[in-house]
Amino acid sequence: MLDRVRLEIELLERHILVMKAVVAHQPIGIMKLSELLDLPFHRIRYSLRILEQMGYIRASQSGAIATPKTEEFLSSLEKDLNALIELLESIRKKRSENEGSRKLA
């Protein structure tokens, strides 16, 4: 089960890298993004498709362009990641407490 979560986190990381590269170099095409991020063409294309479907980027004749939604996402990214880390730490703490209770019983 955790392998699937790990894969989703890695995919999210790639989408964020692509998003940040688009913001920094817009308009930018798939080939340039692939070179810039040193990622295979098909992975860049997939990330761009997902980001476009979610409204974070839009396609133009010159390449991908970030939307205002991207800036909103990136501006709250640190806070949102910290909230996820806190959630994971809470899960870990509860698991440790449960294991400790079982040992005492």
C-alpha atoms as a PDB file:
ATOM      1  CA  MET A   1       0.000   0.000   0.000  1.00  0.00           C
ATOM      2  CA  LEU A   2       2.781   2.444   0.848  1.00  0.00           C
ATOM      3  CA  ASP A   3       4.525   1.738  -2.449  1.00  0.00           C
ATOM      4  CA  ARG A   4       1.545   3.257  -4.230  1.00  0.00           C
ATOM      5  CA  VAL A   5       1.656   6.337  -1.973  1.00  0.00           C
ATOM      6  CA  ARG A   6       5.392   6.676  -2.652  1.00  0.00           C
ATOM      7  CA  LEU A   7       4.782   6.548  -6.417  1.00  0.00           C
ATOM      8  CA  GLU A   8       2.113   9.249  -6.142  1.00  0.00           C
ATOM      9  CA  ILE A   9       4.490  11.463  -4.147  1.00  0.00           C
ATOM     10  CA  GLU A  10       7.211  10.995  -6.771  1.00  0.00           C
ATOM     11  CA  LEU A  11       4.704  11.876  -9.489  1.00  0.00           C
ATOM     12  CA  LEU A  12       3.643  14.970  -7.552  1.00  0.00           C
ATOM     13  CA  GLU A  13       7.295  15.961  -7.244  1.00  0.00           C
ATOM     14  CA  ARG A  14       7.703  15.720 -11.017  1.00  0.00           C
ATOM     15  CA  HIS A  15       4.550  17.741 -11.654  1.00  0.00           C
ATOM     16  CA  ILE A  16       5.835  20.455  -9.302  1.00  0.00           C
ATOM     17  CA  LEU A  17       9.234  20.492 -11.046  1.00  0.00           C
ATOM     18  CA  VAL A  18       7.527  20.862 -14.420  1.00  0.00           C
ATOM     19  CA  MET A  19       5.226  23.552 -13.067  1.00  0.00           C
ATOM     20  CA  LYS A  20       8.144  25.563 -11.649  1.00  0.00           C
ATOM     21  CA  ALA A  21      10.089  25.219 -14.909  1.00  0.00           C
ATOM     22  CA  VAL A  22       7.100  26.460 -16.900  1.00  0.00           C
ATOM     23  CA  VAL A  23       6.778  29.479 -14.594  1.00  0.00           C
ATOM     24  CA  ALA A  24      10.492  30.274 -14.928  1.00  0.00           C
ATOM     25  CA  HIS A  25      10.803  29.740 -18.703  1.00  0.00           C
ATOM     26  CA  GLN A  26       7.349  30.288 -20.202  1.00  0.00           C
ATOM     27  CA  PRO A  27       6.388  29.841 -22.880  1.00  0.00           C
ATOM     28  CA  ILE A  28       8.272  26.565 -23.078  1.00  0.00           C
ATOM     29  CA  GLY A  29       7.868  23.462 -25.190  1.00  0.00           C
ATOM     30  CA  ILE A  30       8.100  19.797 -24.294  1.00  0.00           C
ATOM     31  CA  MET A  31      11.547  19.278 -25.817  1.00  0.00           C
ATOM     32  CA  LYS A  32      13.051  22.241 -23.947  1.00  0.00           C
ATOM     33  CA  LEU A  33      11.455  21.098 -20.676  1.00  0.00           C
ATOM     34  CA  SER A  34      12.813  17.605 -21.255  1.00  0.00           C
ATOM     35  CA  GLU A  35      16.325  18.965 -21.730  1.00  0.00           C
ATOM     36  CA  LEU A  36      16.051  21.434 -18.858  1.00  0.00           C
ATOM     37  CA  LEU A  37      14.779  18.889 -16.332  1.00  0.00           C
ATOM     38  CA  ASP A  38      16.707  15.934 -17.750  1.00  0.00           C
ATOM     39  CA  LEU A  39      13.530  13.880 -17.907  1.00  0.00           C
ATOM     40  CA  PRO A  40      12.223  11.713 -20.744  1.00  0.00           C
ATOM     41  CA  PHE A  41       9.939  13.370 -23.258  1.00  0.00           C
ATOM     42  CA  HIS A  42       6.990  11.073 -22.444  1.00  0.00           C
ATOM     43  CA  ARG A  43       7.116  11.951 -18.734  1.00  0.00           C
ATOM     44  CA  ILE A  44       7.135  15.675 -19.480  1.00  0.00           C
ATOM     45  CA  ARG A  45       4.221  15.245 -21.885  1.00  0.00           C
ATOM     46  CA  TYR A  46       2.246  13.332 -19.241  1.00  0.00           C
ATOM     47  CA  SER A  47       2.917  15.962 -16.552  1.00  0.00           C
ATOM     48  CA  LEU A  48       1.949  18.771 -18.919  1.00  0.00           C
ATOM     49  CA  ARG A  49      -1.285  16.978 -19.820  1.00  0.00           C
ATOM     50  CA  ILE A  50      -2.200  16.492 -16.146  1.00  0.00           C
ATOM     51  CA  LEU A  51      -1.266  20.082 -15.238  1.00  0.00           C
ATOM     52  CA  GLU A  52      -3.340  21.388 -18.147  1.00  0.00           C
ATOM     53  CA  GLN A  53      -6.345  19.245 -17.155  1.00  0.00           C
ATOM     54  CA  MET A  54      -6.064  20.622 -13.610  1.00  0.00           C
ATOM     55  CA  GLY A  55      -5.880  24.209 -14.887  1.00  0.00           C
ATOM     56  CA  TYR A  56      -2.297  24.955 -13.794  1.00  0.00           C
ATOM     57  CA  ILE A  57      -0.956  25.508 -17.295  1.00  0.00           C
ATOM     58  CA  ARG A  58      -2.353  26.184 -20.716  1.00  0.00           C
ATOM     59  CA  ALA A  59      -0.993  25.390 -24.117  1.00  0.00           C
ATOM     60  CA  SER A  60      -0.056  28.153 -26.516  1.00  0.00           C
ATOM     61  CA  GLN A  61       1.519  28.189 -29.971  1.00  0.00           C
ATOM     62  CA  SER A  62       4.874  28.934 -28.330  1.00  0.00           C
ATOM     63  CA  GLY A  63       4.607  26.336 -25.568  1.00  0.00           C
ATOM     64  CA  ALA A  64       3.215  25.869 -22.089  1.00  0.00           C
ATOM     65  CA  ILE A  65       2.207  28.924 -20.063  1.00  0.00           C
ATOM     66  CA  ALA A  66       1.370  29.024 -16.357  1.00  0.00           C
ATOM     67  CA  THR A  67      -2.061  30.167 -15.238  1.00  0.00           C
ATOM     68  CA  PRO A  68      -2.868  32.263 -12.148  1.00  0.00           C
ATOM     69  CA  LYS A  69      -3.836  29.003 -10.432  1.00  0.00           C
ATOM     70  CA  THR A  70      -0.168  27.971 -10.607  1.00  0.00           C
ATOM     71  CA  GLU A  71       0.970  30.962  -8.579  1.00  0.00           C
ATOM     72  CA  GLU A  72      -1.711  30.236  -5.978  1.00  0.00           C
ATOM     73  CA  PHE A  73      -0.551  26.620  -5.740  1.00  0.00           C
ATOM     74  CA  LEU A  74       3.135  27.478  -5.491  1.00  0.00           C
ATOM     75  CA  SER A  75       2.571  30.232  -2.936  1.00  0.00           C
ATOM     76  CA  SER A  76       0.894  27.794  -0.534  1.00  0.00           C
ATOM     77  CA  LEU A  77       3.089  24.793  -1.362  1.00  0.00           C
ATOM     78  CA  GLU A  78       5.372  25.052   1.682  1.00  0.00           C
ATOM     79  CA  LYS A  79       2.404  25.336   4.060  1.00  0.00           C
ATOM     80  CA  ASP A  80       0.591  22.450   2.379  1.00  0.00           C
ATOM     81  CA  LEU A  81       3.686  20.214   2.466  1.00  0.00           C
ATOM     82  CA  ASN A  82       4.196  21.002   6.145  1.00  0.00           C
ATOM     83  CA  ALA A  83       0.582  19.982   6.833  1.00  0.00           C
ATOM     84  CA  LEU A  84       1.177  16.656   5.073  1.00  0.00           C
ATOM     85  CA  ILE A  85       4.385  16.095   7.048  1.00  0.00           C
ATOM     86  CA  GLU A  86       2.498  16.787  10.283  1.00  0.00           C
ATOM     87  CA  LEU A  87      -0.156  14.266   9.278  1.00  0.00           C
ATOM     88  CA  LEU A  88       2.470  11.610   8.574  1.00  0.00           C
ATOM     89  CA  GLU A  89       4.224  12.331  11.869  1.00  0.00           C
ATOM     90  CA  SER A  90       0.882  12.001  13.664  1.00  0.00           C
ATOM     91  CA  ILE A  91       0.325   8.603  12.041  1.00  0.00           C
ATOM     92  CA  ARG A  92       3.812   7.517  13.090  1.00  0.00           C
ATOM     93  CA  LYS A  93       3.259   8.708  16.655  1.00  0.00           C
ATOM     94  CA  LYS A  94      -0.084   6.893  16.953  1.00  0.00           C
ATOM     95  CA  ARG A  95       1.482   3.717  15.592  1.00  0.00           C
ATOM     96  CA  SER A  96       4.327   3.948  18.119  1.00  0.00           C
ATOM     97  CA  GLU A  97       1.873   4.571  20.953  1.00  0.00           C
ATOM     98  CA  ASN A  98      -0.222   1.575  19.902  1.00  0.00           C
ATOM     99  CA  GLU A  99       2.837  -0.660  19.773  1.00  0.00           C
ATOM    100  CA  GLY A 100       3.878   0.571  23.224  1.00  0.00           C
ATOM    101  CA  SER A 101       0.411  -0.218  24.633  1.00  0.00           C
ATOM    102  CA  ARG A 102       0.525  -3.733  23.261  1.00  0.00           C
ATOM    103  CA  LYS A 103       3.930  -4.386  24.846  1.00  0.00           C
ATOM    104  CA  LEU A 104       2.631  -3.250  28.259  1.00  0.00           C
ATOM    105  CA  ALA A 105      -0.466  -5.465  28.063  1.00  0.00           C
END
